[in-house]
Amino acid sequence: MKIGEHITKLRKEKGYSTTRLAKLAGIAQSTLREIELGNTSPTWDTLRKLGNALEVSPIIFALDPENQPPEISENILTSTPEIRRILAKLINLPPDKLKILESVLDSWVERD
């Protein structure tokens, strides 16, 4: 499933209009429509916002190679077994836990 289709499916499951989801995510409604129609690829930041608004981990969009936003390496899913195990665990993390994990990772990256 393409990323726009996946977002549309999740939005409809929540009973959200494009206007409501865009407002909850803090993005333009026109941007959301372009993503859903497959006319544009969302950034990772936009996927995080949409994931939070839809109450799903945005990592689910990255697990399908067809759905990877531009800044995710095309071969991330075929990389090390450690990365694949970590990504599999991320699927089940709620948005609040992902934010905590992201803060920890940011602090580690800043130190290197």
N, C-alpha and C. Protein backbone atom coordinates (compact mmCIF):
# COMPACT_ATOMS: atom_id res chain seq x y z
N MET A 1 0.85 -1.18 0.00
CA MET A 1 0.00 0.00 0.00
C MET A 1 0.89 1.24 0.00
N LYS A 2 0.58 2.18 -0.86
CA LYS A 2 1.34 3.42 -0.92
C LYS A 2 1.04 4.27 0.31
N ILE A 3 1.95 5.15 0.63
CA ILE A 3 1.83 5.92 1.87
C ILE A 3 0.56 6.78 1.90
N GLY A 4 0.22 7.39 0.78
CA GLY A 4 -1.00 8.20 0.74
C GLY A 4 -2.25 7.37 0.98
N GLU A 5 -2.26 6.18 0.40
CA GLU A 5 -3.39 5.26 0.60
C GLU A 5 -3.47 4.83 2.06
N HIS A 6 -2.31 4.59 2.65
CA HIS A 6 -2.27 4.16 4.05
C HIS A 6 -2.80 5.27 4.96
N ILE A 7 -2.39 6.50 4.71
CA ILE A 7 -2.86 7.62 5.51
C ILE A 7 -4.36 7.81 5.33
N THR A 8 -4.83 7.71 4.10
CA THR A 8 -6.27 7.83 3.84
C THR A 8 -7.05 6.76 4.60
N LYS A 9 -6.57 5.53 4.56
CA LYS A 9 -7.23 4.43 5.26
C LYS A 9 -7.30 4.71 6.76
N LEU A 10 -6.18 5.11 7.35
CA LEU A 10 -6.15 5.41 8.79
C LEU A 10 -7.06 6.59 9.12
N ARG A 11 -7.05 7.61 8.27
CA ARG A 11 -7.90 8.79 8.50
C ARG A 11 -9.37 8.40 8.50
N LYS A 12 -9.76 7.59 7.52
CA LYS A 12 -11.16 7.18 7.42
C LYS A 12 -11.56 6.27 8.58
N GLU A 13 -10.64 5.42 9.03
CA GLU A 13 -10.92 4.56 10.19
C GLU A 13 -11.21 5.40 11.43
N LYS A 14 -10.55 6.55 11.55
CA LYS A 14 -10.77 7.45 12.68
C LYS A 14 -12.01 8.31 12.47
N GLY A 15 -12.53 8.32 11.25
CA GLY A 15 -13.69 9.15 10.94
C GLY A 15 -13.33 10.62 10.77
N TYR A 16 -12.08 10.89 10.42
CA TYR A 16 -11.61 12.26 10.25
C TYR A 16 -11.77 12.71 8.81
N SER A 17 -12.12 13.97 8.63
CA SER A 17 -12.06 14.59 7.31
C SER A 17 -10.61 15.00 7.07
N THR A 18 -10.29 15.35 5.84
CA THR A 18 -8.94 15.83 5.58
C THR A 18 -8.68 17.13 6.34
N THR A 19 -9.70 17.96 6.45
CA THR A 19 -9.57 19.22 7.18
C THR A 19 -9.24 18.97 8.64
N ARG A 20 -9.95 18.02 9.25
CA ARG A 20 -9.73 17.74 10.66
C ARG A 20 -8.33 17.14 10.90
N LEU A 21 -7.95 16.17 10.08
CA LEU A 21 -6.64 15.55 10.26
C LEU A 21 -5.53 16.57 10.04
N ALA A 22 -5.66 17.40 9.02
CA ALA A 22 -4.64 18.41 8.77
C ALA A 22 -4.51 19.36 9.96
N LYS A 23 -5.63 19.75 10.52
CA LYS A 23 -5.61 20.64 11.69
C LYS A 23 -4.96 19.96 12.89
N LEU A 24 -5.32 18.71 13.15
CA LEU A 24 -4.74 17.95 14.26
C LEU A 24 -3.23 17.77 14.09
N ALA A 25 -2.81 17.59 12.84
CA ALA A 25 -1.39 17.35 12.56
C ALA A 25 -0.60 18.66 12.43
N GLY A 26 -1.30 19.76 12.27
CA GLY A 26 -0.61 21.03 12.11
C GLY A 26 0.02 21.20 10.74
N ILE A 27 -0.65 20.65 9.73
CA ILE A 27 -0.17 20.81 8.35
C ILE A 27 -1.30 21.39 7.51
N ALA A 28 -0.97 21.87 6.35
CA ALA A 28 -1.98 22.43 5.45
C ALA A 28 -2.85 21.30 4.90
N GLN A 29 -4.14 21.58 4.77
CA GLN A 29 -5.07 20.59 4.22
C GLN A 29 -4.69 20.25 2.80
N SER A 30 -4.20 21.24 2.06
CA SER A 30 -3.78 20.98 0.67
C SER A 30 -2.58 20.04 0.63
N THR A 31 -1.69 20.16 1.61
CA THR A 31 -0.54 19.25 1.68
C THR A 31 -1.01 17.83 1.94
N LEU A 32 -1.94 17.67 2.87
CA LEU A 32 -2.48 16.35 3.18
C LEU A 32 -3.13 15.73 1.93
N ARG A 33 -3.90 16.51 1.22
CA ARG A 33 -4.56 15.98 0.02
C ARG A 33 -3.53 15.54 -1.03
N GLU A 34 -2.48 16.33 -1.21
CA GLU A 34 -1.44 15.96 -2.18
C GLU A 34 -0.74 14.66 -1.77
N ILE A 35 -0.54 14.48 -0.46
CA ILE A 35 0.08 13.24 0.03
C ILE A 35 -0.87 12.07 -0.21
N GLU A 36 -2.14 12.24 0.15
CA GLU A 36 -3.11 11.17 -0.02
C GLU A 36 -3.29 10.79 -1.49
N LEU A 37 -3.21 11.75 -2.35
CA LEU A 37 -3.37 11.48 -3.78
C LEU A 37 -2.09 10.92 -4.41
N GLY A 38 -1.01 10.91 -3.64
CA GLY A 38 0.25 10.38 -4.15
C GLY A 38 1.00 11.37 -5.03
N ASN A 39 0.62 12.64 -4.97
CA ASN A 39 1.27 13.66 -5.80
C ASN A 39 2.55 14.21 -5.18
N THR A 40 2.74 13.96 -3.89
CA THR A 40 3.93 14.43 -3.20
C THR A 40 4.32 13.43 -2.13
N SER A 41 5.60 13.41 -1.80
CA SER A 41 6.08 12.53 -0.73
C SER A 41 6.24 13.36 0.54
N PRO A 42 5.71 12.88 1.65
CA PRO A 42 5.83 13.63 2.89
C PRO A 42 7.24 13.55 3.46
N THR A 43 7.63 14.57 4.19
CA THR A 43 8.90 14.52 4.91
C THR A 43 8.70 13.65 6.14
N TRP A 44 9.80 13.27 6.77
CA TRP A 44 9.69 12.48 7.99
C TRP A 44 8.99 13.28 9.08
N ASP A 45 9.23 14.59 9.13
CA ASP A 45 8.57 15.44 10.13
C ASP A 45 7.05 15.43 9.92
N THR A 46 6.62 15.50 8.68
CA THR A 46 5.19 15.45 8.37
C THR A 46 4.60 14.09 8.75
N LEU A 47 5.35 13.02 8.50
CA LEU A 47 4.86 11.69 8.89
C LEU A 47 4.72 11.58 10.41
N ARG A 48 5.65 12.18 11.13
CA ARG A 48 5.54 12.17 12.60
C ARG A 48 4.30 12.92 13.06
N LYS A 49 4.04 14.05 12.45
CA LYS A 49 2.86 14.84 12.81
C LYS A 49 1.58 14.06 12.50
N LEU A 50 1.54 13.44 11.33
CA LEU A 50 0.36 12.65 10.95
C LEU A 50 0.21 11.43 11.85
N GLY A 51 1.32 10.76 12.16
CA GLY A 51 1.27 9.62 13.07
C GLY A 51 0.73 10.01 14.42
N ASN A 52 1.19 11.13 14.95
CA ASN A 52 0.69 11.60 16.25
C ASN A 52 -0.79 11.91 16.18
N ALA A 53 -1.22 12.59 15.13
CA ALA A 53 -2.63 12.94 14.98
C ALA A 53 -3.51 11.71 14.82
N LEU A 54 -2.98 10.69 14.16
CA LEU A 54 -3.74 9.45 13.94
C LEU A 54 -3.54 8.44 15.08
N GLU A 55 -2.69 8.81 16.05
CA GLU A 55 -2.40 7.97 17.20
C GLU A 55 -1.79 6.63 16.80
N VAL A 56 -0.87 6.70 15.85
CA VAL A 56 -0.11 5.52 15.42
C VAL A 56 1.36 5.91 15.38
N SER A 57 2.20 4.92 15.48
CA SER A 57 3.62 5.18 15.35
C SER A 57 3.95 5.48 13.90
N PRO A 58 4.59 6.61 13.63
CA PRO A 58 4.90 6.93 12.24
C PRO A 58 5.89 5.95 11.61
N ILE A 59 6.53 5.14 12.41
CA ILE A 59 7.49 4.18 11.87
C ILE A 59 6.80 3.16 10.96
N ILE A 60 5.49 2.96 11.14
CA ILE A 60 4.79 2.00 10.29
C ILE A 60 4.88 2.38 8.82
N PHE A 61 5.00 3.68 8.55
CA PHE A 61 5.11 4.13 7.17
C PHE A 61 6.48 3.79 6.59
N ALA A 62 7.49 3.73 7.43
CA ALA A 62 8.85 3.48 6.96
C ALA A 62 9.14 2.00 6.76
N LEU A 63 8.36 1.15 7.36
CA LEU A 63 8.65 -0.28 7.28
C LEU A 63 8.38 -0.88 5.91
N ASP A 64 7.54 -0.25 5.14
CA ASP A 64 7.30 -0.71 3.77
C ASP A 64 8.21 0.11 2.86
N PRO A 65 9.16 -0.53 2.18
CA PRO A 65 10.08 0.22 1.32
C PRO A 65 9.38 1.14 0.33
N GLU A 66 8.19 0.79 -0.08
CA GLU A 66 7.44 1.62 -1.02
C GLU A 66 7.04 2.95 -0.38
N ASN A 67 6.97 2.97 0.96
CA ASN A 67 6.49 4.14 1.68
C ASN A 67 7.58 5.03 2.24
N GLN A 68 8.82 4.73 2.00
CA GLN A 68 9.88 5.48 2.66
C GLN A 68 9.94 6.92 2.17
N PRO A 69 9.93 7.88 3.13
CA PRO A 69 10.12 9.27 2.74
C PRO A 69 11.54 9.48 2.24
N PRO A 70 11.78 10.56 1.52
CA PRO A 70 13.09 10.76 0.87
C PRO A 70 14.29 10.68 1.80
N GLU A 71 14.19 11.16 3.04
CA GLU A 71 15.38 11.17 3.88
C GLU A 71 15.69 9.84 4.56
N ILE A 72 14.88 8.83 4.32
CA ILE A 72 15.20 7.50 4.85
C ILE A 72 15.93 6.73 3.75
N SER A 73 17.05 6.18 4.11
CA SER A 73 17.86 5.45 3.14
C SER A 73 17.04 4.35 2.49
N GLU A 74 17.24 4.18 1.20
CA GLU A 74 16.49 3.17 0.47
C GLU A 74 16.80 1.76 0.94
N ASN A 75 17.96 1.57 1.55
CA ASN A 75 18.32 0.21 1.96
C ASN A 75 18.24 0.00 3.47
N ILE A 76 17.55 0.88 4.19
CA ILE A 76 17.52 0.75 5.65
C ILE A 76 16.93 -0.59 6.10
N LEU A 77 15.94 -1.06 5.38
CA LEU A 77 15.29 -2.31 5.81
C LEU A 77 16.10 -3.54 5.45
N THR A 78 17.06 -3.37 4.59
CA THR A 78 17.92 -4.50 4.25
C THR A 78 19.27 -4.37 4.93
N SER A 79 19.38 -3.43 5.86
CA SER A 79 20.65 -3.23 6.56
C SER A 79 20.82 -4.27 7.67
N THR A 80 21.48 -3.90 8.72
CA THR A 80 21.85 -4.86 9.75
C THR A 80 20.64 -5.49 10.45
N PRO A 81 20.82 -6.67 10.98
CA PRO A 81 19.74 -7.30 11.74
C PRO A 81 19.34 -6.47 12.96
N GLU A 82 20.31 -5.77 13.55
CA GLU A 82 20.01 -4.94 14.71
C GLU A 82 19.02 -3.83 14.36
N ILE A 83 19.23 -3.19 13.23
CA ILE A 83 18.32 -2.12 12.81
C ILE A 83 16.93 -2.68 12.52
N ARG A 84 16.87 -3.83 11.87
CA ARG A 84 15.55 -4.43 11.59
C ARG A 84 14.83 -4.80 12.89
N ARG A 85 15.56 -5.31 13.89
CA ARG A 85 14.93 -5.65 15.18
C ARG A 85 14.41 -4.39 15.88
N ILE A 86 15.21 -3.33 15.84
CA ILE A 86 14.79 -2.08 16.48
C ILE A 86 13.56 -1.51 15.79
N LEU A 87 13.55 -1.50 14.46
CA LEU A 87 12.40 -1.00 13.73
C LEU A 87 11.14 -1.80 14.05
N ALA A 88 11.28 -3.10 14.16
CA ALA A 88 10.13 -3.94 14.48
C ALA A 88 9.56 -3.59 15.85
N LYS A 89 10.42 -3.26 16.80
CA LYS A 89 9.95 -2.87 18.14
C LYS A 89 9.29 -1.50 18.14
N LEU A 90 9.75 -0.62 17.27
CA LEU A 90 9.21 0.73 17.22
C LEU A 90 7.74 0.77 16.81
N ILE A 91 7.32 -0.21 16.05
CA ILE A 91 5.94 -0.25 15.57
C ILE A 91 4.95 -0.17 16.72
N ASN A 92 5.27 -0.81 17.82
CA ASN A 92 4.33 -0.90 18.93
C ASN A 92 4.44 0.23 19.93
N LEU A 93 5.38 1.15 19.73
CA LEU A 93 5.52 2.25 20.67
C LEU A 93 4.48 3.33 20.39
N PRO A 94 3.80 3.81 21.43
CA PRO A 94 2.86 4.92 21.24
C PRO A 94 3.64 6.22 21.01
N PRO A 95 2.98 7.23 20.45
CA PRO A 95 3.67 8.49 20.13
C PRO A 95 4.41 9.12 21.31
N ASP A 96 3.86 9.05 22.52
CA ASP A 96 4.55 9.67 23.66
C ASP A 96 5.87 8.96 23.96
N LYS A 97 5.90 7.65 23.84
CA LYS A 97 7.14 6.90 24.07
C LYS A 97 8.15 7.14 22.94
N LEU A 98 7.64 7.31 21.71
CA LEU A 98 8.53 7.62 20.59
C LEU A 98 9.23 8.96 20.81
N LYS A 99 8.50 9.93 21.37
CA LYS A 99 9.10 11.23 21.64
C LYS A 99 10.23 11.10 22.66
N ILE A 100 10.02 10.29 23.68
CA ILE A 100 11.06 10.07 24.69
C ILE A 100 12.27 9.41 24.04
N LEU A 101 12.02 8.38 23.26
CA LEU A 101 13.11 7.68 22.59
C LEU A 101 13.86 8.63 21.65
N GLU A 102 13.12 9.45 20.93
CA GLU A 102 13.75 10.40 20.02
C GLU A 102 14.65 11.37 20.79
N SER A 103 14.22 11.82 21.95
CA SER A 103 15.04 12.72 22.77
C SER A 103 16.33 12.04 23.20
N VAL A 104 16.22 10.78 23.60
CA VAL A 104 17.42 10.03 24.00
C VAL A 104 18.36 9.89 22.80
N LEU A 105 17.82 9.50 21.67
CA LEU A 105 18.66 9.34 20.47
C LEU A 105 19.31 10.67 20.07
N ASP A 106 18.54 11.76 20.15
CA ASP A 106 19.10 13.07 19.83
C ASP A 106 20.27 13.40 20.74
N SER A 107 20.14 13.10 22.02
CA SER A 107 21.23 13.40 22.95
C SER A 107 22.47 12.57 22.64
N TRP A 108 22.28 11.33 22.23
CA TRP A 108 23.41 10.48 21.88
C TRP A 108 24.07 10.97 20.60
N VAL A 109 23.29 11.33 19.63
CA VAL A 109 23.84 11.79 18.35
C VAL A 109 24.59 13.10 18.55
N GLU A 110 24.07 14.00 19.37
CA GLU A 110 24.72 15.28 19.61
C GLU A 110 26.09 15.10 20.28
N ARG A 111 26.25 14.04 21.06
CA ARG A 111 27.50 13.79 21.78
C ARG A 111 28.59 13.26 20.87
N ASP A 112 28.21 12.59 19.79
CA ASP A 112 29.19 11.96 18.89
C ASP A 112 29.93 12.96 18.05
